[in-house]
Amino acid sequence: MTNPEPHTPIVTNDPRPADPDDDKLLTPGEVATMFRVSPKTVTRWHQTGKISAIRTPGGHRRFRAKEIKQLLGDA
């Protein structure tokens, strides 16, 4: 039995090229700059469920760039 190519590209039906920034995680300050609001506003948005976030092992919030771009209308 032979192994498939180790670097076979993933094929999708989506005609758009994958954006490498979509996997990026943003700080509250970076998100705040994009929306022209304070980082505290971004934190409040997360607390009220308007945007989702993940927590780092140190407990800091990080926001997925893909979701933020969708909210900005850039996706």
PDB file of N, CA and C in Angstrom:
ATOM      1  N   MET A   1       0.847  -1.166   0.000  1.00  0.00           N
ATOM      2  CA  MET A   1       0.000   0.000   0.000  1.00  0.00           C
ATOM      3  C   MET A   1       0.899   1.237   0.000  1.00  0.00           C
ATOM      4  N   THR A   2       0.549   2.208  -0.836  1.00  0.00           N
ATOM      5  CA  THR A   2       1.351   3.425  -0.906  1.00  0.00           C
ATOM      6  C   THR A   2       0.654   4.547  -0.161  1.00  0.00           C
ATOM      7  N   ASN A   3       1.449   5.437   0.368  1.00  0.00           N
ATOM      8  CA  ASN A   3       0.909   6.597   1.070  1.00  0.00           C
ATOM      9  C   ASN A   3       0.604   7.702   0.077  1.00  0.00           C
ATOM     10  N   PRO A   4      -0.457   8.469   0.307  1.00  0.00           N
ATOM     11  CA  PRO A   4      -0.734   9.604  -0.576  1.00  0.00           C
ATOM     12  C   PRO A   4       0.350  10.661  -0.411  1.00  0.00           C
ATOM     13  N   GLU A   5       0.385  11.567  -1.359  1.00  0.00           N
ATOM     14  CA  GLU A   5       1.350  12.661  -1.302  1.00  0.00           C
ATOM     15  C   GLU A   5       1.229  13.367   0.044  1.00  0.00           C
ATOM     16  N   PRO A   6       2.339  13.662   0.706  1.00  0.00           N
ATOM     17  CA  PRO A   6       2.248  14.297   2.020  1.00  0.00           C
ATOM     18  C   PRO A   6       1.765  15.743   1.983  1.00  0.00           C
ATOM     19  N   HIS A   7       1.866  16.391   0.850  1.00  0.00           N
ATOM     20  CA  HIS A   7       1.475  17.800   0.760  1.00  0.00           C
ATOM     21  C   HIS A   7       0.378  18.007  -0.274  1.00  0.00           C
ATOM     22  N   THR A   8      -0.591  17.111  -0.293  1.00  0.00           N
ATOM     23  CA  THR A   8      -1.701  17.231  -1.220  1.00  0.00           C
ATOM     24  C   THR A   8      -2.570  18.412  -0.810  1.00  0.00           C
ATOM     25  N   PRO A   9      -2.843  19.338  -1.745  1.00  0.00           N
ATOM     26  CA  PRO A   9      -3.660  20.503  -1.377  1.00  0.00           C
ATOM     27  C   PRO A   9      -5.098  20.097  -1.074  1.00  0.00           C
ATOM     28  N   ILE A  10      -5.732  20.857  -0.216  1.00  0.00           N
ATOM     29  CA  ILE A  10      -7.132  20.625   0.117  1.00  0.00           C
ATOM     30  C   ILE A  10      -7.984  21.291  -0.956  1.00  0.00           C
ATOM     31  N   VAL A  11      -8.941  20.550  -1.483  1.00  0.00           N
ATOM     32  CA  VAL A  11      -9.802  21.062  -2.536  1.00  0.00           C
ATOM     33  C   VAL A  11     -11.165  21.385  -1.930  1.00  0.00           C
ATOM     34  N   THR A  12     -11.658  22.572  -2.229  1.00  0.00           N
ATOM     35  CA  THR A  12     -12.985  22.960  -1.758  1.00  0.00           C
ATOM     36  C   THR A  12     -13.817  23.413  -2.942  1.00  0.00           C
ATOM     37  N   ASN A  13     -15.109  23.565  -2.719  1.00  0.00           N
ATOM     38  CA  ASN A  13     -15.998  24.071  -3.759  1.00  0.00           C
ATOM     39  C   ASN A  13     -16.080  25.590  -3.747  1.00  0.00           C
ATOM     40  N   ASP A  14     -15.407  26.227  -2.807  1.00  0.00           N
ATOM     41  CA  ASP A  14     -15.432  27.682  -2.691  1.00  0.00           C
ATOM     42  C   ASP A  14     -14.489  28.280  -3.732  1.00  0.00           C
ATOM     43  N   PRO A  15     -15.013  29.109  -4.661  1.00  0.00           N
ATOM     44  CA  PRO A  15     -14.159  29.664  -5.715  1.00  0.00           C
ATOM     45  C   PRO A  15     -13.197  30.732  -5.214  1.00  0.00           C
ATOM     46  N   ARG A  16     -13.446  31.272  -4.009  1.00  0.00           N
ATOM     47  CA  ARG A  16     -12.563  32.312  -3.478  1.00  0.00           C
ATOM     48  C   ARG A  16     -11.302  31.680  -2.895  1.00  0.00           C
ATOM     49  N   PRO A  17     -10.158  32.316  -3.082  1.00  0.00           N
ATOM     50  CA  PRO A  17      -8.945  31.786  -2.457  1.00  0.00           C
ATOM     51  C   PRO A  17      -9.012  31.968  -0.944  1.00  0.00           C
ATOM     52  N   ALA A  18      -8.412  31.042  -0.229  1.00  0.00           N
ATOM     53  CA  ALA A  18      -8.393  31.136   1.234  1.00  0.00           C
ATOM     54  C   ALA A  18      -7.538  32.321   1.653  1.00  0.00           C
ATOM     55  N   ASP A  19      -8.014  33.063   2.622  1.00  0.00           N
ATOM     56  CA  ASP A  19      -7.285  34.214   3.140  1.00  0.00           C
ATOM     57  C   ASP A  19      -6.486  33.758   4.356  1.00  0.00           C
ATOM     58  N   PRO A  20      -5.159  33.835   4.297  1.00  0.00           N
ATOM     59  CA  PRO A  20      -4.366  33.370   5.440  1.00  0.00           C
ATOM     60  C   PRO A  20      -4.626  34.171   6.710  1.00  0.00           C
ATOM     61  N   ASP A  21      -5.131  35.396   6.585  1.00  0.00           N
ATOM     62  CA  ASP A  21      -5.438  36.203   7.766  1.00  0.00           C
ATOM     63  C   ASP A  21      -6.687  35.723   8.494  1.00  0.00           C
ATOM     64  N   ASP A  22      -7.494  34.870   7.860  1.00  0.00           N
ATOM     65  CA  ASP A  22      -8.725  34.390   8.491  1.00  0.00           C
ATOM     66  C   ASP A  22      -8.443  33.596   9.767  1.00  0.00           C
ATOM     67  N   ASP A  23      -7.290  32.945   9.841  1.00  0.00           N
ATOM     68  CA  ASP A  23      -6.943  32.157  11.020  1.00  0.00           C
ATOM     69  C   ASP A  23      -6.295  33.001  12.109  1.00  0.00           C
ATOM     70  N   LYS A  24      -6.016  34.251  11.809  1.00  0.00           N
ATOM     71  CA  LYS A  24      -5.326  35.124  12.753  1.00  0.00           C
ATOM     72  C   LYS A  24      -6.241  35.476  13.928  1.00  0.00           C
ATOM     73  N   LEU A  25      -5.634  35.609  15.098  1.00  0.00           N
ATOM     74  CA  LEU A  25      -6.360  36.039  16.288  1.00  0.00           C
ATOM     75  C   LEU A  25      -5.972  37.476  16.597  1.00  0.00           C
ATOM     76  N   LEU A  26      -6.967  38.287  16.912  1.00  0.00           N
ATOM     77  CA  LEU A  26      -6.757  39.709  17.155  1.00  0.00           C
ATOM     78  C   LEU A  26      -6.965  40.044  18.625  1.00  0.00           C
ATOM     79  N   THR A  27      -6.211  41.018  19.106  1.00  0.00           N
ATOM     80  CA  THR A  27      -6.375  41.501  20.477  1.00  0.00           C
ATOM     81  C   THR A  27      -7.555  42.465  20.530  1.00  0.00           C
ATOM     82  N   PRO A  28      -8.077  42.732  21.720  1.00  0.00           N
ATOM     83  CA  PRO A  28      -9.133  43.745  21.827  1.00  0.00           C
ATOM     84  C   PRO A  28      -8.689  45.105  21.278  1.00  0.00           C
ATOM     85  N   GLY A  29      -7.439  45.458  21.475  1.00  0.00           N
ATOM     86  CA  GLY A  29      -6.930  46.725  20.953  1.00  0.00           C
ATOM     87  C   GLY A  29      -6.934  46.775  19.438  1.00  0.00           C
ATOM     88  N   GLU A  30      -6.570  45.661  18.794  1.00  0.00           N
ATOM     89  CA  GLU A  30      -6.579  45.610  17.329  1.00  0.00           C
ATOM     90  C   GLU A  30      -8.002  45.719  16.793  1.00  0.00           C
ATOM     91  N   VAL A  31      -8.928  45.019  17.431  1.00  0.00           N
ATOM     92  CA  VAL A  31     -10.331  45.087  17.009  1.00  0.00           C
ATOM     93  C   VAL A  31     -10.865  46.498  17.225  1.00  0.00           C
ATOM     94  N   ALA A  32     -10.516  47.096  18.348  1.00  0.00           N
ATOM     95  CA  ALA A  32     -10.962  48.458  18.651  1.00  0.00           C
ATOM     96  C   ALA A  32     -10.492  49.436  17.582  1.00  0.00           C
ATOM     97  N   THR A  33      -9.262  49.300  17.145  1.00  0.00           N
ATOM     98  CA  THR A  33      -8.731  50.172  16.096  1.00  0.00           C
ATOM     99  C   THR A  33      -9.521  50.009  14.803  1.00  0.00           C
ATOM    100  N   MET A  34      -9.867  48.778  14.463  1.00  0.00           N
ATOM    101  CA  MET A  34     -10.606  48.517  13.227  1.00  0.00           C
ATOM    102  C   MET A  34     -11.994  49.157  13.255  1.00  0.00           C
ATOM    103  N   PHE A  35     -12.631  49.171  14.436  1.00  0.00           N
ATOM    104  CA  PHE A  35     -13.979  49.727  14.562  1.00  0.00           C
ATOM    105  C   PHE A  35     -13.989  51.178  15.042  1.00  0.00           C
ATOM    106  N   ARG A  36     -12.810  51.678  15.356  1.00  0.00           N
ATOM    107  CA  ARG A  36     -12.667  53.045  15.881  1.00  0.00           C
ATOM    108  C   ARG A  36     -13.457  53.236  17.174  1.00  0.00           C
ATOM    109  N   VAL A  37     -13.276  52.279  18.076  1.00  0.00           N
ATOM    110  CA  VAL A  37     -13.878  52.341  19.406  1.00  0.00           C
ATOM    111  C   VAL A  37     -12.781  52.028  20.423  1.00  0.00           C
ATOM    112  N   SER A  38     -13.107  52.090  21.695  1.00  0.00           N
ATOM    113  CA  SER A  38     -12.119  51.767  22.725  1.00  0.00           C
ATOM    114  C   SER A  38     -12.063  50.252  22.939  1.00  0.00           C
ATOM    115  N   PRO A  39     -10.930  49.750  23.438  1.00  0.00           N
ATOM    116  CA  PRO A  39     -10.852  48.321  23.761  1.00  0.00           C
ATOM    117  C   PRO A  39     -11.908  47.892  24.783  1.00  0.00           C
ATOM    118  N   LYS A  40     -12.299  48.786  25.676  1.00  0.00           N
ATOM    119  CA  LYS A  40     -13.348  48.450  26.649  1.00  0.00           C
ATOM    120  C   LYS A  40     -14.682  48.198  25.946  1.00  0.00           C
ATOM    121  N   THR A  41     -14.933  48.916  24.865  1.00  0.00           N
ATOM    122  CA  THR A  41     -16.157  48.689  24.093  1.00  0.00           C
ATOM    123  C   THR A  41     -16.133  47.298  23.474  1.00  0.00           C
ATOM    124  N   VAL A  42     -14.985  46.896  22.945  1.00  0.00           N
ATOM    125  CA  VAL A  42     -14.849  45.561  22.353  1.00  0.00           C
ATOM    126  C   VAL A  42     -15.094  44.496  23.423  1.00  0.00           C
ATOM    127  N   THR A  43     -14.541  44.694  24.603  1.00  0.00           N
ATOM    128  CA  THR A  43     -14.766  43.756  25.705  1.00  0.00           C
ATOM    129  C   THR A  43     -16.245  43.694  26.066  1.00  0.00           C
ATOM    130  N   ARG A  44     -16.901  44.826  26.084  1.00  0.00           N
ATOM    131  CA  ARG A  44     -18.338  44.870  26.392  1.00  0.00           C
ATOM    132  C   ARG A  44     -19.137  44.140  25.309  1.00  0.00           C
ATOM    133  N   TRP A  45     -18.749  44.313  24.041  1.00  0.00           N
ATOM    134  CA  TRP A  45     -19.426  43.588  22.960  1.00  0.00           C
ATOM    135  C   TRP A  45     -19.331  42.084  23.199  1.00  0.00           C
ATOM    136  N   HIS A  46     -18.167  41.624  23.630  1.00  0.00           N
ATOM    137  CA  HIS A  46     -18.008  40.197  23.900  1.00  0.00           C
ATOM    138  C   HIS A  46     -18.874  39.775  25.083  1.00  0.00           C
ATOM    139  N   GLN A  47     -18.887  40.570  26.127  1.00  0.00           N
ATOM    140  CA  GLN A  47     -19.669  40.229  27.321  1.00  0.00           C
ATOM    141  C   GLN A  47     -21.166  40.180  27.037  1.00  0.00           C
ATOM    142  N   THR A  48     -21.629  40.974  26.083  1.00  0.00           N
ATOM    143  CA  THR A  48     -23.057  40.984  25.742  1.00  0.00           C
ATOM    144  C   THR A  48     -23.393  40.035  24.593  1.00  0.00           C
ATOM    145  N   GLY A  49     -22.389  39.303  24.085  1.00  0.00           N
ATOM    146  CA  GLY A  49     -22.637  38.305  23.058  1.00  0.00           C
ATOM    147  C   GLY A  49     -22.651  38.823  21.632  1.00  0.00           C
ATOM    148  N   LYS A  50     -22.259  40.062  21.415  1.00  0.00           N
ATOM    149  CA  LYS A  50     -22.255  40.607  20.049  1.00  0.00           C
ATOM    150  C   LYS A  50     -21.129  40.035  19.202  1.00  0.00           C
ATOM    151  N   ILE A  51     -20.004  39.704  19.842  1.00  0.00           N
ATOM    152  CA  ILE A  51     -18.898  39.052  19.149  1.00  0.00           C
ATOM    153  C   ILE A  51     -18.373  37.937  20.039  1.00  0.00           C
ATOM    154  N   SER A  52     -17.838  36.907  19.406  1.00  0.00           N
ATOM    155  CA  SER A  52     -17.293  35.794  20.180  1.00  0.00           C
ATOM    156  C   SER A  52     -15.785  35.970  20.331  1.00  0.00           C
ATOM    157  N   ALA A  53     -15.252  35.326  21.336  1.00  0.00           N
ATOM    158  CA  ALA A  53     -13.819  35.391  21.599  1.00  0.00           C
ATOM    159  C   ALA A  53     -13.365  34.068  22.183  1.00  0.00           C
ATOM    160  N   ILE A  54     -12.082  33.843  22.085  1.00  0.00           N
ATOM    161  CA  ILE A  54     -11.475  32.711  22.774  1.00  0.00           C
ATOM    162  C   ILE A  54     -10.570  33.288  23.849  1.00  0.00           C
ATOM    163  N   ARG A  55     -10.201  32.464  24.783  1.00  0.00           N
ATOM    164  CA  ARG A  55      -9.298  32.895  25.853  1.00  0.00           C
ATOM    165  C   ARG A  55      -7.951  32.204  25.672  1.00  0.00           C
ATOM    166  N   THR A  56      -6.888  32.965  25.851  1.00  0.00           N
ATOM    167  CA  THR A  56      -5.548  32.397  25.824  1.00  0.00           C
ATOM    168  C   THR A  56      -5.321  31.644  27.132  1.00  0.00           C
ATOM    169  N   PRO A  57      -4.279  30.839  27.213  1.00  0.00           N
ATOM    170  CA  PRO A  57      -3.988  30.171  28.488  1.00  0.00           C
ATOM    171  C   PRO A  57      -3.807  31.162  29.644  1.00  0.00           C
ATOM    172  N   GLY A  58      -3.400  32.376  29.332  1.00  0.00           N
ATOM    173  CA  GLY A  58      -3.247  33.400  30.358  1.00  0.00           C
ATOM    174  C   GLY A  58      -4.531  34.140  30.685  1.00  0.00           C
ATOM    175  N   GLY A  59      -5.631  33.802  29.989  1.00  0.00           N
ATOM    176  CA  GLY A  59      -6.927  34.402  30.271  1.00  0.00           C
ATOM    177  C   GLY A  59      -7.282  35.628  29.443  1.00  0.00           C
ATOM    178  N   HIS A  60      -6.444  35.972  28.477  1.00  0.00           N
ATOM    179  CA  HIS A  60      -6.709  37.142  27.643  1.00  0.00           C
ATOM    180  C   HIS A  60      -7.670  36.796  26.506  1.00  0.00           C
ATOM    181  N   ARG A  61      -8.490  37.754  26.110  1.00  0.00           N
ATOM    182  CA  ARG A  61      -9.429  37.554  24.999  1.00  0.00           C
ATOM    183  C   ARG A  61      -8.701  37.719  23.669  1.00  0.00           C
ATOM    184  N   ARG A  62      -9.091  36.867  22.726  1.00  0.00           N
ATOM    185  CA  ARG A  62      -8.621  37.003  21.348  1.00  0.00           C
ATOM    186  C   ARG A  62      -9.821  36.781  20.445  1.00  0.00           C
ATOM    187  N   PHE A  63      -9.861  37.546  19.367  1.00  0.00           N
ATOM    188  CA  PHE A  63     -10.994  37.523  18.451  1.00  0.00           C
ATOM    189  C   PHE A  63     -10.535  37.001  17.098  1.00  0.00           C
ATOM    190  N   ARG A  64     -11.357  36.164  16.490  1.00  0.00           N
ATOM    191  CA  ARG A  64     -11.015  35.596  15.181  1.00  0.00           C
ATOM    192  C   ARG A  64     -11.164  36.665  14.099  1.00  0.00           C
ATOM    193  N   ALA A  65     -10.091  36.834  13.318  1.00  0.00           N
ATOM    194  CA  ALA A  65     -10.076  37.856  12.267  1.00  0.00           C
ATOM    195  C   ALA A  65     -11.204  37.635  11.267  1.00  0.00           C
ATOM    196  N   LYS A  66     -11.512  36.381  10.973  1.00  0.00           N
ATOM    197  CA  LYS A  66     -12.569  36.086  10.002  1.00  0.00           C
ATOM    198  C   LYS A  66     -13.909  36.657  10.461  1.00  0.00           C
ATOM    199  N   GLU A  67     -14.239  36.475  11.730  1.00  0.00           N
ATOM    200  CA  GLU A  67     -15.504  36.992  12.260  1.00  0.00           C
ATOM    201  C   GLU A  67     -15.510  38.522  12.250  1.00  0.00           C
ATOM    202  N   ILE A  68     -14.397  39.120  12.624  1.00  0.00           N
ATOM    203  CA  ILE A  68     -14.315  40.582  12.658  1.00  0.00           C
ATOM    204  C   ILE A  68     -14.452  41.145  11.250  1.00  0.00           C
ATOM    205  N   LYS A  69     -13.806  40.512  10.278  1.00  0.00           N
ATOM    206  CA  LYS A  69     -13.926  40.969   8.884  1.00  0.00           C
ATOM    207  C   LYS A  69     -15.369  40.876   8.402  1.00  0.00           C
ATOM    208  N   GLN A  70     -16.077  39.821   8.806  1.00  0.00           N
ATOM    209  CA  GLN A  70     -17.482  39.686   8.413  1.00  0.00           C
ATOM    210  C   GLN A  70     -18.315  40.810   9.013  1.00  0.00           C
ATOM    211  N   LEU A  71     -18.048  41.145  10.257  1.00  0.00           N
ATOM    212  CA  LEU A  71     -18.778  42.237  10.897  1.00  0.00           C
ATOM    213  C   LEU A  71     -18.496  43.574  10.221  1.00  0.00           C
ATOM    214  N   LEU A  72     -17.280  43.739   9.739  1.00  0.00           N
ATOM    215  CA  LEU A  72     -16.910  44.972   9.039  1.00  0.00           C
ATOM    216  C   LEU A  72     -17.434  44.998   7.605  1.00  0.00           C
ATOM    217  N   GLY A  73     -17.870  43.836   7.109  1.00  0.00           N
ATOM    218  CA  GLY A  73     -18.366  43.762   5.740  1.00  0.00           C
ATOM    219  C   GLY A  73     -17.279  43.573   4.714  1.00  0.00           C
ATOM    220  N   ASP A  74     -16.081  43.123   5.160  1.00  0.00           N
ATOM    221  CA  ASP A  74     -14.958  42.928   4.248  1.00  0.00           C
ATOM    222  C   ASP A  74     -14.847  41.505   3.739  1.00  0.00           C
ATOM    223  N   ALA A  75     -15.635  40.595   4.259  1.00  0.00           N
ATOM    224  CA  ALA A  75     -15.479  39.188   3.884  1.00  0.00           C
ATOM    225  C   ALA A  75     -16.251  38.872   2.625  1.00  0.00           C
TER     226      ALA A  75
END
